[in-house]
């Protein structure tokens, strides 16, 4: 039974060896000469002006996490759409409950003010 997993283990071993080789090769072959130009922050093809480090409000991260949460939940609609004809009423009711829970969660975070950008 374990012999069936041998190709997977060999593939994982080769991938790990390649990763170690790539990191070691870049460490030994790469140049490590620090200069003020290399250490300067660089973004979007333009040199930065002003302070390069600034505090980002926690509201930014909360909105980003909520976006990811609701975005990932919408991905579950695709498999449902694929099997909708096979499951008929059960699929409709289960997805209606799922979307209802998402709607309740959305209304809750809206009322709590988590989506306000001020």
PDB file of N, CA and C in Angstrom:
ATOM      1  N   UNK A   1       0.818  -1.190   0.000  1.00  0.00           N
ATOM      2  CA  UNK A   1       0.000   0.000   0.000  1.00  0.00           C
ATOM      3  C   UNK A   1       0.868   1.263   0.000  1.00  0.00           C
ATOM      4  N   UNK A   2       1.933   1.264   0.784  1.00  0.00           N
ATOM      5  CA  UNK A   2       2.794   2.443   0.828  1.00  0.00           C
ATOM      6  C   UNK A   2       3.582   2.635  -0.453  1.00  0.00           C
ATOM      7  N   UNK A   3       3.762   1.567  -1.225  1.00  0.00           N
ATOM      8  CA  UNK A   3       4.521   1.678  -2.477  1.00  0.00           C
ATOM      9  C   UNK A   3       3.799   2.580  -3.477  1.00  0.00           C
ATOM     10  N   UNK A   4       2.489   2.728  -3.331  1.00  0.00           N
ATOM     11  CA  UNK A   4       1.730   3.593  -4.231  1.00  0.00           C
ATOM     12  C   UNK A   4       2.078   5.073  -4.032  1.00  0.00           C
ATOM     13  N   UNK A   5       2.563   5.422  -2.859  1.00  0.00           N
ATOM     14  CA  UNK A   5       2.934   6.808  -2.562  1.00  0.00           C
ATOM     15  C   UNK A   5       4.381   7.128  -2.917  1.00  0.00           C
ATOM     16  N   UNK A   6       5.127   6.142  -3.387  1.00  0.00           N
ATOM     17  CA  UNK A   6       6.536   6.346  -3.706  1.00  0.00           C
ATOM     18  C   UNK A   6       6.753   7.436  -4.764  1.00  0.00           C
ATOM     19  N   UNK A   7       6.004   7.485  -5.874  1.00  0.00           N
ATOM     20  CA  UNK A   7       6.225   8.576  -6.841  1.00  0.00           C
ATOM     21  C   UNK A   7       5.980   9.961  -6.235  1.00  0.00           C
ATOM     22  N   UNK A   8       4.999  10.065  -5.359  1.00  0.00           N
ATOM     23  CA  UNK A   8       4.719  11.361  -4.729  1.00  0.00           C
ATOM     24  C   UNK A   8       5.871  11.753  -3.813  1.00  0.00           C
ATOM     25  N   UNK A   9       6.386  10.794  -3.051  1.00  0.00           N
ATOM     26  CA  UNK A   9       7.509  11.085  -2.162  1.00  0.00           C
ATOM     27  C   UNK A   9       8.761  11.463  -2.950  1.00  0.00           C
ATOM     28  N   UNK A  10       8.990  10.798  -4.064  1.00  0.00           N
ATOM     29  CA  UNK A  10      10.141  11.130  -4.916  1.00  0.00           C
ATOM     30  C   UNK A  10       9.976  12.545  -5.474  1.00  0.00           C
ATOM     31  N   UNK A  11       8.765  12.886  -5.909  1.00  0.00           N
ATOM     32  CA  UNK A  11       8.502  14.228  -6.433  1.00  0.00           C
ATOM     33  C   UNK A  11       8.727  15.282  -5.355  1.00  0.00           C
ATOM     34  N   UNK A  12       8.262  15.026  -4.138  1.00  0.00           N
ATOM     35  CA  UNK A  12       8.458  15.976  -3.043  1.00  0.00           C
ATOM     36  C   UNK A  12       9.946  16.119  -2.721  1.00  0.00           C
ATOM     37  N   UNK A  13      10.677  15.012  -2.734  1.00  0.00           N
ATOM     38  CA  UNK A  13      12.114  15.060  -2.458  1.00  0.00           C
ATOM     39  C   UNK A  13      12.848  15.868  -3.527  1.00  0.00           C
ATOM     40  N   UNK A  14      12.493  15.646  -4.780  1.00  0.00           N
ATOM     41  CA  UNK A  14      13.133  16.402  -5.874  1.00  0.00           C
ATOM     42  C   UNK A  14      12.799  17.890  -5.745  1.00  0.00           C
ATOM     43  N   UNK A  15      11.561  18.224  -5.415  1.00  0.00           N
ATOM     44  CA  UNK A  15      11.169  19.628  -5.259  1.00  0.00           C
ATOM     45  C   UNK A  15      11.937  20.277  -4.111  1.00  0.00           C
ATOM     46  N   UNK A  16      12.075  19.573  -2.994  1.00  0.00           N
ATOM     47  CA  UNK A  16      12.818  20.131  -1.860  1.00  0.00           C
ATOM     48  C   UNK A  16      14.289  20.315  -2.204  1.00  0.00           C
ATOM     49  N   UNK A  17      14.881  19.342  -2.877  1.00  0.00           N
ATOM     50  CA  UNK A  17      16.283  19.454  -3.275  1.00  0.00           C
ATOM     51  C   UNK A  17      16.478  20.627  -4.241  1.00  0.00           C
ATOM     52  N   UNK A  18      15.546  20.803  -5.170  1.00  0.00           N
ATOM     53  CA  UNK A  18      15.654  21.930  -6.094  1.00  0.00           C
ATOM     54  C   UNK A  18      15.557  23.261  -5.352  1.00  0.00           C
ATOM     55  N   UNK A  19      14.654  23.347  -4.387  1.00  0.00           N
ATOM     56  CA  UNK A  19      14.509  24.581  -3.625  1.00  0.00           C
ATOM     57  C   UNK A  19      15.784  24.892  -2.848  1.00  0.00           C
ATOM     58  N   UNK A  20      16.357  23.887  -2.206  1.00  0.00           N
ATOM     59  CA  UNK A  20      17.603  24.079  -1.454  1.00  0.00           C
ATOM     60  C   UNK A  20      18.726  24.464  -2.412  1.00  0.00           C
ATOM     61  N   UNK A  21      18.793  23.803  -3.574  1.00  0.00           N
ATOM     62  CA  UNK A  21      19.825  24.121  -4.551  1.00  0.00           C
ATOM     63  C   UNK A  21      19.688  25.559  -5.047  1.00  0.00           C
ATOM     64  N   UNK A  22      18.464  26.000  -5.337  1.00  0.00           N
ATOM     65  CA  UNK A  22      18.262  27.356  -5.855  1.00  0.00           C
ATOM     66  C   UNK A  22      18.674  28.408  -4.821  1.00  0.00           C
ATOM     67  N   UNK A  23      18.312  28.196  -3.567  1.00  0.00           N
ATOM     68  CA  UNK A  23      18.682  29.159  -2.534  1.00  0.00           C
ATOM     69  C   UNK A  23      20.190  29.162  -2.315  1.00  0.00           C
ATOM     70  N   UNK A  24      20.806  27.970  -2.268  1.00  0.00           N
ATOM     71  CA  UNK A  24      22.256  27.880  -2.058  1.00  0.00           C
ATOM     72  C   UNK A  24      23.016  28.494  -3.234  1.00  0.00           C
ATOM     73  N   UNK A  25      22.553  28.237  -4.454  1.00  0.00           N
ATOM     74  CA  UNK A  25      23.231  28.786  -5.630  1.00  0.00           C
ATOM     75  C   UNK A  25      23.152  30.311  -5.638  1.00  0.00           C
ATOM     76  N   UNK A  26      22.000  30.868  -5.290  1.00  0.00           N
ATOM     77  CA  UNK A  26      21.900  32.326  -5.273  1.00  0.00           C
ATOM     78  C   UNK A  26      22.743  32.925  -4.149  1.00  0.00           C
ATOM     79  N   UNK A  27      22.882  32.196  -3.058  1.00  0.00           N
ATOM     80  CA  UNK A  27      23.700  32.693  -1.952  1.00  0.00           C
ATOM     81  C   UNK A  27      25.181  32.703  -2.334  1.00  0.00           C
ATOM     82  N   UNK A  28      25.657  31.622  -2.947  1.00  0.00           N
ATOM     83  CA  UNK A  28      27.085  31.522  -3.268  1.00  0.00           C
ATOM     84  C   UNK A  28      27.456  32.273  -4.543  1.00  0.00           C
ATOM     85  N   UNK A  29      26.582  32.363  -5.505  1.00  0.00           N
ATOM     86  CA  UNK A  29      26.913  32.997  -6.774  1.00  0.00           C
ATOM     87  C   UNK A  29      26.507  34.472  -6.860  1.00  0.00           C
ATOM     88  N   UNK A  30      25.614  34.905  -6.014  1.00  0.00           N
ATOM     89  CA  UNK A  30      25.102  36.274  -6.081  1.00  0.00           C
ATOM     90  C   UNK A  30      26.062  37.285  -5.481  1.00  0.00           C
ATOM     91  N   UNK A  31      25.943  38.529  -5.936  1.00  0.00           N
ATOM     92  CA  UNK A  31      26.765  39.603  -5.403  1.00  0.00           C
ATOM     93  C   UNK A  31      26.076  40.193  -4.172  1.00  0.00           C
ATOM     94  N   UNK A  32      26.895  40.571  -3.202  1.00  0.00           N
ATOM     95  CA  UNK A  32      26.354  41.141  -1.970  1.00  0.00           C
ATOM     96  C   UNK A  32      27.033  42.467  -1.648  1.00  0.00           C
ATOM     97  N   UNK A  33      27.045  43.360  -2.608  1.00  0.00           N
ATOM     98  CA  UNK A  33      27.633  44.674  -2.395  1.00  0.00           C
ATOM     99  C   UNK A  33      26.514  45.667  -2.099  1.00  0.00           C
ATOM    100  N   UNK A  34      26.430  46.099  -0.876  1.00  0.00           N
ATOM    101  CA  UNK A  34      25.398  47.068  -0.503  1.00  0.00           C
ATOM    102  C   UNK A  34      25.846  48.470  -0.888  1.00  0.00           C
ATOM    103  N   UNK A  35      24.927  49.246  -1.411  1.00  0.00           N
ATOM    104  CA  UNK A  35      25.202  50.636  -1.750  1.00  0.00           C
ATOM    105  C   UNK A  35      23.967  51.457  -1.383  1.00  0.00           C
ATOM    106  N   UNK A  36      24.135  52.761  -1.240  1.00  0.00           N
ATOM    107  CA  UNK A  36      22.964  53.588  -0.892  1.00  0.00           C
ATOM    108  C   UNK A  36      21.848  53.500  -1.937  1.00  0.00           C
ATOM    109  N   UNK A  37      22.219  53.328  -3.187  1.00  0.00           N
ATOM    110  CA  UNK A  37      21.192  53.238  -4.237  1.00  0.00           C
ATOM    111  C   UNK A  37      20.409  51.938  -4.098  1.00  0.00           C
ATOM    112  N   UNK A  38      21.109  50.838  -3.796  1.00  0.00           N
ATOM    113  CA  UNK A  38      20.415  49.562  -3.622  1.00  0.00           C
ATOM    114  C   UNK A  38      19.557  49.542  -2.359  1.00  0.00           C
ATOM    115  N   UNK A  39      19.935  50.271  -1.363  1.00  0.00           N
ATOM    116  CA  UNK A  39      19.199  50.280  -0.101  1.00  0.00           C
ATOM    117  C   UNK A  39      18.029  51.258  -0.100  1.00  0.00           C
ATOM    118  N   UNK A  40      17.944  52.108  -1.113  1.00  0.00           N
ATOM    119  CA  UNK A  40      16.870  53.102  -1.176  1.00  0.00           C
ATOM    120  C   UNK A  40      15.547  52.425  -1.520  1.00  0.00           C
ATOM    121  N   UNK A  41      14.459  52.855  -0.897  1.00  0.00           N
ATOM    122  CA  UNK A  41      13.144  52.307  -1.250  1.00  0.00           C
ATOM    123  C   UNK A  41      12.782  52.689  -2.676  1.00  0.00           C
ATOM    124  N   UNK A  42      12.146  51.791  -3.380  1.00  0.00           N
ATOM    125  CA  UNK A  42      11.821  51.994  -4.783  1.00  0.00           C
ATOM    126  C   UNK A  42      10.444  51.396  -5.036  1.00  0.00           C
ATOM    127  N   UNK A  43       9.573  52.181  -5.631  1.00  0.00           N
ATOM    128  CA  UNK A  43       8.225  51.681  -5.854  1.00  0.00           C
ATOM    129  C   UNK A  43       7.657  52.271  -7.135  1.00  0.00           C
ATOM    130  N   UNK A  44       7.096  51.447  -7.949  1.00  0.00           N
ATOM    131  CA  UNK A  44       6.391  51.861  -9.172  1.00  0.00           C
ATOM    132  C   UNK A  44       7.275  52.637 -10.144  1.00  0.00           C
ATOM    133  N   UNK A  45       8.552  52.391 -10.150  1.00  0.00           N
ATOM    134  CA  UNK A  45       9.429  53.056 -11.090  1.00  0.00           C
ATOM    135  C   UNK A  45       9.777  54.480 -10.739  1.00  0.00           C
ATOM    136  N   UNK A  46       9.370  54.937  -9.582  1.00  0.00           N
ATOM    137  CA  UNK A  46       9.645  56.313  -9.173  1.00  0.00           C
ATOM    138  C   UNK A  46      10.387  56.306  -7.848  1.00  0.00           C
ATOM    139  N   UNK A  47      11.391  57.148  -7.698  1.00  0.00           N
ATOM    140  CA  UNK A  47      12.023  57.267  -6.380  1.00  0.00           C
ATOM    141  C   UNK A  47      11.027  57.870  -5.391  1.00  0.00           C
ATOM    142  N   UNK A  48      11.071  57.404  -4.169  1.00  0.00           N
ATOM    143  CA  UNK A  48      10.119  57.891  -3.172  1.00  0.00           C
ATOM    144  C   UNK A  48      10.496  59.282  -2.697  1.00  0.00           C
ATOM    145  N   UNK A  49       9.480  60.030  -2.329  1.00  0.00           N
ATOM    146  CA  UNK A  49       9.694  61.342  -1.738  1.00  0.00           C
ATOM    147  C   UNK A  49       8.993  61.367  -0.398  1.00  0.00           C
ATOM    148  N   UNK A  50       9.603  61.975   0.558  1.00  0.00           N
ATOM    149  CA  UNK A  50       9.001  62.034   1.890  1.00  0.00           C
ATOM    150  C   UNK A  50       9.341  60.799   2.703  1.00  0.00           C
ATOM    151  N   UNK A  51       8.556  60.578   3.739  1.00  0.00           N
ATOM    152  CA  UNK A  51       8.798  59.444   4.631  1.00  0.00           C
ATOM    153  C   UNK A  51       8.472  58.132   3.917  1.00  0.00           C
ATOM    154  N   UNK A  52       9.376  57.168   4.046  1.00  0.00           N
ATOM    155  CA  UNK A  52       9.145  55.885   3.392  1.00  0.00           C
ATOM    156  C   UNK A  52       8.392  54.914   4.277  1.00  0.00           C
ATOM    157  N   UNK A  53       8.434  55.120   5.564  1.00  0.00           N
ATOM    158  CA  UNK A  53       7.704  54.263   6.490  1.00  0.00           C
ATOM    159  C   UNK A  53       6.618  55.084   7.154  1.00  0.00           C
ATOM    160  N   UNK A  54       5.401  54.642   7.009  1.00  0.00           N
ATOM    161  CA  UNK A  54       4.304  55.336   7.660  1.00  0.00           C
ATOM    162  C   UNK A  54       3.327  54.302   8.207  1.00  0.00           C
ATOM    163  N   UNK A  55       2.620  54.696   9.203  1.00  0.00           N
ATOM    164  CA  UNK A  55       1.664  53.792   9.825  1.00  0.00           C
ATOM    165  C   UNK A  55       0.419  53.692   8.955  1.00  0.00           C
ATOM    166  N   UNK A  56      -0.036  52.475   8.767  1.00  0.00           N
ATOM    167  CA  UNK A  56      -1.247  52.235   7.998  1.00  0.00           C
ATOM    168  C   UNK A  56      -2.365  51.943   8.989  1.00  0.00           C
ATOM    169  N   UNK A  57      -3.499  52.595   8.845  1.00  0.00           N
ATOM    170  CA  UNK A  57      -4.589  52.379   9.797  1.00  0.00           C
ATOM    171  C   UNK A  57      -5.070  50.924   9.787  1.00  0.00           C
ATOM    172  N   UNK A  58      -5.484  50.443  10.945  1.00  0.00           N
ATOM    173  CA  UNK A  58      -5.974  49.072  11.076  1.00  0.00           C
ATOM    174  C   UNK A  58      -7.220  48.861  10.235  1.00  0.00           C
ATOM    175  N   UNK A  59      -7.957  49.930   9.953  1.00  0.00           N
ATOM    176  CA  UNK A  59      -9.166  49.831   9.143  1.00  0.00           C
ATOM    177  C   UNK A  59      -8.864  49.271   7.755  1.00  0.00           C
ATOM    178  N   UNK A  60      -7.693  49.597   7.235  1.00  0.00           N
ATOM    179  CA  UNK A  60      -7.276  49.078   5.929  1.00  0.00           C
ATOM    180  C   UNK A  60      -7.209  47.555   5.964  1.00  0.00           C
ATOM    181  N   UNK A  61      -6.602  47.005   6.999  1.00  0.00           N
ATOM    182  CA  UNK A  61      -6.467  45.559   7.104  1.00  0.00           C
ATOM    183  C   UNK A  61      -7.802  44.883   7.355  1.00  0.00           C
ATOM    184  N   UNK A  62      -8.675  45.516   8.109  1.00  0.00           N
ATOM    185  CA  UNK A  62      -9.995  44.932   8.364  1.00  0.00           C
ATOM    186  C   UNK A  62     -10.795  44.850   7.071  1.00  0.00           C
ATOM    187  N   UNK A  63     -10.770  45.909   6.291  1.00  0.00           N
ATOM    188  CA  UNK A  63     -11.506  45.899   5.023  1.00  0.00           C
ATOM    189  C   UNK A  63     -10.898  44.877   4.065  1.00  0.00           C
ATOM    190  N   UNK A  64      -9.579  44.765   4.050  1.00  0.00           N
ATOM    191  CA  UNK A  64      -8.935  43.778   3.184  1.00  0.00           C
ATOM    192  C   UNK A  64      -9.321  42.361   3.592  1.00  0.00           C
ATOM    193  N   UNK A  65      -9.353  42.081   4.886  1.00  0.00           N
ATOM    194  CA  UNK A  65      -9.732  40.744   5.344  1.00  0.00           C
ATOM    195  C   UNK A  65     -11.199  40.457   5.046  1.00  0.00           C
ATOM    196  N   UNK A  66     -12.065  41.442   5.210  1.00  0.00           N
ATOM    197  CA  UNK A  66     -13.473  41.233   4.889  1.00  0.00           C
ATOM    198  C   UNK A  66     -13.666  41.000   3.394  1.00  0.00           C
ATOM    199  N   UNK A  67     -12.912  41.724   2.578  1.00  0.00           N
ATOM    200  CA  UNK A  67     -12.995  41.493   1.136  1.00  0.00           C
ATOM    201  C   UNK A  67     -12.583  40.074   0.797  1.00  0.00           C
ATOM    202  N   UNK A  68     -11.479  39.611   1.362  1.00  0.00           N
ATOM    203  CA  UNK A  68     -11.031  38.240   1.096  1.00  0.00           C
ATOM    204  C   UNK A  68     -12.055  37.225   1.582  1.00  0.00           C
ATOM    205  N   UNK A  69     -12.608  37.448   2.737  1.00  0.00           N
ATOM    206  CA  UNK A  69     -13.594  36.520   3.285  1.00  0.00           C
ATOM    207  C   UNK A  69     -14.796  36.397   2.358  1.00  0.00           C
ATOM    208  N   UNK A  70     -15.377  37.513   1.961  1.00  0.00           N
ATOM    209  CA  UNK A  70     -16.555  37.455   1.104  1.00  0.00           C
ATOM    210  C   UNK A  70     -16.194  37.015  -0.314  1.00  0.00           C
ATOM    211  N   UNK A  71     -15.009  37.329  -0.774  1.00  0.00           N
ATOM    212  CA  UNK A  71     -14.580  36.900  -2.097  1.00  0.00           C
ATOM    213  C   UNK A  71     -14.425  35.386  -2.146  1.00  0.00           C
ATOM    214  N   UNK A  72     -13.842  34.807  -1.111  1.00  0.00           N
ATOM    215  CA  UNK A  72     -13.673  33.360  -1.066  1.00  0.00           C
ATOM    216  C   UNK A  72     -15.025  32.669  -0.939  1.00  0.00           C
ATOM    217  N   UNK A  73     -15.934  33.254  -0.197  1.00  0.00           N
ATOM    218  CA  UNK A  73     -17.258  32.648  -0.058  1.00  0.00           C
ATOM    219  C   UNK A  73     -17.996  32.620  -1.390  1.00  0.00           C
ATOM    220  N   UNK A  74     -17.789  33.614  -2.219  1.00  0.00           N
ATOM    221  CA  UNK A  74     -18.458  33.644  -3.516  1.00  0.00           C
ATOM    222  C   UNK A  74     -17.920  32.537  -4.424  1.00  0.00           C
ATOM    223  N   UNK A  75     -16.695  32.098  -4.202  1.00  0.00           N
ATOM    224  CA  UNK A  75     -16.123  31.012  -4.997  1.00  0.00           C
ATOM    225  C   UNK A  75     -16.937  29.730  -4.822  1.00  0.00           C
ATOM    226  N   UNK A  76     -17.588  29.567  -3.676  1.00  0.00           N
ATOM    227  CA  UNK A  76     -18.393  28.370  -3.445  1.00  0.00           C
ATOM    228  C   UNK A  76     -19.649  28.337  -4.317  1.00  0.00           C
ATOM    229  N   UNK A  77     -19.993  29.429  -4.953  1.00  0.00           N
ATOM    230  CA  UNK A  77     -21.140  29.436  -5.841  1.00  0.00           C
ATOM    231  C   UNK A  77     -20.870  28.675  -7.141  1.00  0.00           C
ATOM    232  N   UNK A  78     -19.624  28.591  -7.555  1.00  0.00           N
ATOM    233  CA  UNK A  78     -19.317  27.921  -8.820  1.00  0.00           C
ATOM    234  C   UNK A  78     -19.614  26.423  -8.777  1.00  0.00           C
ATOM    235  N   UNK A  79     -19.117  25.667  -7.775  1.00  0.00           N
ATOM    236  CA  UNK A  79     -19.459  24.238  -7.761  1.00  0.00           C
ATOM    237  C   UNK A  79     -20.967  24.011  -7.609  1.00  0.00           C
ATOM    238  N   UNK A  80     -21.618  24.896  -6.904  1.00  0.00           N
ATOM    239  CA  UNK A  80     -23.065  24.780  -6.759  1.00  0.00           C
ATOM    240  C   UNK A  80     -23.740  24.926  -8.116  1.00  0.00           C
ATOM    241  N   UNK A  81     -23.279  25.869  -8.914  1.00  0.00           N
ATOM    242  CA  UNK A  81     -23.877  26.077 -10.229  1.00  0.00           C
ATOM    243  C   UNK A  81     -23.643  24.885 -11.146  1.00  0.00           C
ATOM    244  N   UNK A  82     -22.527  24.202 -10.954  1.00  0.00           N
ATOM    245  CA  UNK A  82     -22.215  23.052 -11.804  1.00  0.00           C
ATOM    246  C   UNK A  82     -23.155  21.882 -11.521  1.00  0.00           C
ATOM    247  N   UNK A  83     -23.487  21.650 -10.254  1.00  0.00           N
ATOM    248  CA  UNK A  83     -24.324  20.494  -9.902  1.00  0.00           C
ATOM    249  C   UNK A  83     -25.779  20.867  -9.655  1.00  0.00           C
ATOM    250  N   UNK A  84     -26.177  22.066  -9.997  1.00  0.00           N
ATOM    251  CA  UNK A  84     -27.528  22.526  -9.692  1.00  0.00           C
ATOM    252  C   UNK A  84     -28.592  21.659 -10.354  1.00  0.00           C
ATOM    253  N   UNK A  85     -28.399  21.279 -11.611  1.00  0.00           N
ATOM    254  CA  UNK A  85     -29.418  20.481 -12.321  1.00  0.00           C
ATOM    255  C   UNK A  85     -29.571  19.095 -11.718  1.00  0.00           C
ATOM    256  N   UNK A  86     -28.495  18.552 -11.170  1.00  0.00           N
ATOM    257  CA  UNK A  86     -28.567  17.208 -10.605  1.00  0.00           C
ATOM    258  C   UNK A  86     -29.280  17.185  -9.258  1.00  0.00           C
ATOM    259  N   UNK A  87     -29.076  18.214  -8.436  1.00  0.00           N
ATOM    260  CA  UNK A  87     -29.597  18.186  -7.072  1.00  0.00           C
ATOM    261  C   UNK A  87     -30.917  18.925  -6.917  1.00  0.00           C
ATOM    262  N   UNK A  88     -31.292  19.716  -7.855  1.00  0.00           N
ATOM    263  CA  UNK A  88     -32.561  20.448  -7.919  1.00  0.00           C
ATOM    264  C   UNK A  88     -32.908  21.189  -6.639  1.00  0.00           C
ATOM    265  N   UNK A  89     -33.937  20.777  -5.927  1.00  0.00           N
ATOM    266  CA  UNK A  89     -34.465  21.538  -4.786  1.00  0.00           C
ATOM    267  C   UNK A  89     -33.483  21.585  -3.622  1.00  0.00           C
ATOM    268  N   UNK A  90     -32.793  20.477  -3.356  1.00  0.00           N
ATOM    269  CA  UNK A  90     -31.843  20.463  -2.243  1.00  0.00           C
ATOM    270  C   UNK A  90     -30.730  21.474  -2.464  1.00  0.00           C
ATOM    271  N   UNK A  91     -30.206  21.548  -3.693  1.00  0.00           N
ATOM    272  CA  UNK A  91     -29.139  22.500  -3.996  1.00  0.00           C
ATOM    273  C   UNK A  91     -29.645  23.938  -3.856  1.00  0.00           C
ATOM    274  N   UNK A  92     -30.863  24.173  -4.285  1.00  0.00           N
ATOM    275  CA  UNK A  92     -31.406  25.525  -4.185  1.00  0.00           C
ATOM    276  C   UNK A  92     -31.582  25.944  -2.728  1.00  0.00           C
ATOM    277  N   UNK A  93     -32.139  25.067  -1.918  1.00  0.00           N
ATOM    278  CA  UNK A  93     -32.375  25.391  -0.513  1.00  0.00           C
ATOM    279  C   UNK A  93     -31.049  25.564   0.224  1.00  0.00           C
ATOM    280  N   UNK A  94     -30.092  24.672  -0.016  1.00  0.00           N
ATOM    281  CA  UNK A  94     -28.796  24.785   0.675  1.00  0.00           C
ATOM    282  C   UNK A  94     -28.075  26.076   0.284  1.00  0.00           C
ATOM    283  N   UNK A  95     -28.148  26.452  -0.974  1.00  0.00           N
ATOM    284  CA  UNK A  95     -27.480  27.683  -1.387  1.00  0.00           C
ATOM    285  C   UNK A  95     -28.240  28.905  -0.905  1.00  0.00           C
ATOM    286  N   UNK A  96     -29.556  28.809  -0.799  1.00  0.00           N
ATOM    287  CA  UNK A  96     -30.333  29.921  -0.249  1.00  0.00           C
ATOM    288  C   UNK A  96     -29.959  30.144   1.210  1.00  0.00           C
ATOM    289  N   UNK A  97     -29.762  29.072   1.961  1.00  0.00           N
ATOM    290  CA  UNK A  97     -29.325  29.203   3.356  1.00  0.00           C
ATOM    291  C   UNK A  97     -27.924  29.807   3.404  1.00  0.00           C
ATOM    292  N   UNK A  98     -27.035  29.328   2.542  1.00  0.00           N
ATOM    293  CA  UNK A  98     -25.658  29.836   2.498  1.00  0.00           C
ATOM    294  C   UNK A  98     -25.635  31.333   2.187  1.00  0.00           C
ATOM    295  N   UNK A  99     -26.379  31.743   1.173  1.00  0.00           N
ATOM    296  CA  UNK A  99     -26.407  33.153   0.805  1.00  0.00           C
ATOM    297  C   UNK A  99     -27.096  33.971   1.890  1.00  0.00           C
ATOM    298  N   UNK A 100     -28.093  33.396   2.550  1.00  0.00           N
ATOM    299  CA  UNK A 100     -28.739  34.081   3.662  1.00  0.00           C
ATOM    300  C   UNK A 100     -27.771  34.355   4.798  1.00  0.00           C
ATOM    301  N   UNK A 101     -26.943  33.370   5.136  1.00  0.00           N
ATOM    302  CA  UNK A 101     -25.937  33.561   6.180  1.00  0.00           C
ATOM    303  C   UNK A 101     -24.940  34.641   5.765  1.00  0.00           C
ATOM    304  N   UNK A 102     -24.517  34.622   4.506  1.00  0.00           N
ATOM    305  CA  UNK A 102     -23.604  35.659   4.019  1.00  0.00           C
ATOM    306  C   UNK A 102     -24.255  37.039   4.078  1.00  0.00           C
ATOM    307  N   UNK A 103     -25.524  37.116   3.734  1.00  0.00           N
ATOM    308  CA  UNK A 103     -26.230  38.388   3.777  1.00  0.00           C
ATOM    309  C   UNK A 103     -26.347  38.907   5.207  1.00  0.00           C
ATOM    310  N   UNK A 104     -26.639  38.014   6.142  1.00  0.00           N
ATOM    311  CA  UNK A 104     -26.717  38.414   7.550  1.00  0.00           C
ATOM    312  C   UNK A 104     -25.351  38.915   8.030  1.00  0.00           C
ATOM    313  N   UNK A 105     -24.283  38.212   7.649  1.00  0.00           N
ATOM    314  CA  UNK A 105     -22.936  38.639   8.040  1.00  0.00           C
ATOM    315  C   UNK A 105     -22.589  39.989   7.422  1.00  0.00           C
ATOM    316  N   UNK A 106     -22.969  40.186   6.177  1.00  0.00           N
ATOM    317  CA  UNK A 106     -22.695  41.462   5.515  1.00  0.00           C
ATOM    318  C   UNK A 106     -23.448  42.605   6.189  1.00  0.00           C
ATOM    319  N   UNK A 107     -24.704  42.388   6.495  1.00  0.00           N
ATOM    320  CA  UNK A 107     -25.485  43.418   7.179  1.00  0.00           C
ATOM    321  C   UNK A 107     -24.900  43.710   8.554  1.00  0.00           C
ATOM    322  N   UNK A 108     -24.447  42.669   9.244  1.00  0.00           N
ATOM    323  CA  UNK A 108     -23.854  42.854  10.572  1.00  0.00           C
ATOM    324  C   UNK A 108     -22.608  43.734  10.504  1.00  0.00           C
ATOM    325  N   UNK A 109     -21.688  43.429   9.570  1.00  0.00           N
ATOM    326  CA  UNK A 109     -20.466  44.240   9.500  1.00  0.00           C
ATOM    327  C   UNK A 109     -20.764  45.643   8.987  1.00  0.00           C
ATOM    328  N   UNK A 110     -21.809  45.784   8.186  1.00  0.00           N
ATOM    329  CA  UNK A 110     -22.205  47.106   7.706  1.00  0.00           C
ATOM    330  C   UNK A 110     -22.741  47.947   8.859  1.00  0.00           C
ATOM    331  N   UNK A 111     -23.574  47.346   9.699  1.00  0.00           N
ATOM    332  CA  UNK A 111     -24.133  48.070  10.841  1.00  0.00           C
ATOM    333  C   UNK A 111     -23.062  48.383  11.897  1.00  0.00           C
ATOM    334  N   UNK A 112     -22.068  47.519  12.025  1.00  0.00           N
ATOM    335  CA  UNK A 112     -20.984  47.754  12.979  1.00  0.00           C
ATOM    336  C   UNK A 112     -20.041  48.854  12.500  1.00  0.00           C
ATOM    337  N   UNK A 113     -20.125  49.235  11.225  1.00  0.00           N
ATOM    338  CA  UNK A 113     -19.279  50.294  10.701  1.00  0.00           C
ATOM    339  C   UNK A 113     -17.923  49.806  10.218  1.00  0.00           C
ATOM    340  N   UNK A 114     -17.797  48.505   9.988  1.00  0.00           N
ATOM    341  CA  UNK A 114     -16.506  47.971   9.553  1.00  0.00           C
ATOM    342  C   UNK A 114     -16.165  48.364   8.127  1.00  0.00           C
ATOM    343  N   UNK A 115     -17.145  48.795   7.357  1.00  0.00           N
ATOM    344  CA  UNK A 115     -16.888  49.179   5.971  1.00  0.00           C
ATOM    345  C   UNK A 115     -16.706  50.681   5.784  1.00  0.00           C
ATOM    346  N   UNK A 116     -16.767  51.440   6.851  1.00  0.00           N
ATOM    347  CA  UNK A 116     -16.542  52.888   6.770  1.00  0.00           C
ATOM    348  C   UNK A 116     -15.053  53.165   6.656  1.00  0.00           C
ATOM    349  N   UNK A 117     -14.676  54.021   5.765  1.00  0.00           N
ATOM    350  CA  UNK A 117     -13.268  54.271   5.478  1.00  0.00           C
ATOM    351  C   UNK A 117     -12.725  55.519   6.198  1.00  0.00           C
ATOM    352  N   UNK A 118     -13.466  56.160   6.990  1.00  0.00           N
ATOM    353  CA  UNK A 118     -13.058  57.429   7.614  1.00  0.00           C
ATOM    354  C   UNK A 118     -11.875  57.272   8.485  1.00  0.00           C
TER     355      UNK A 118
END
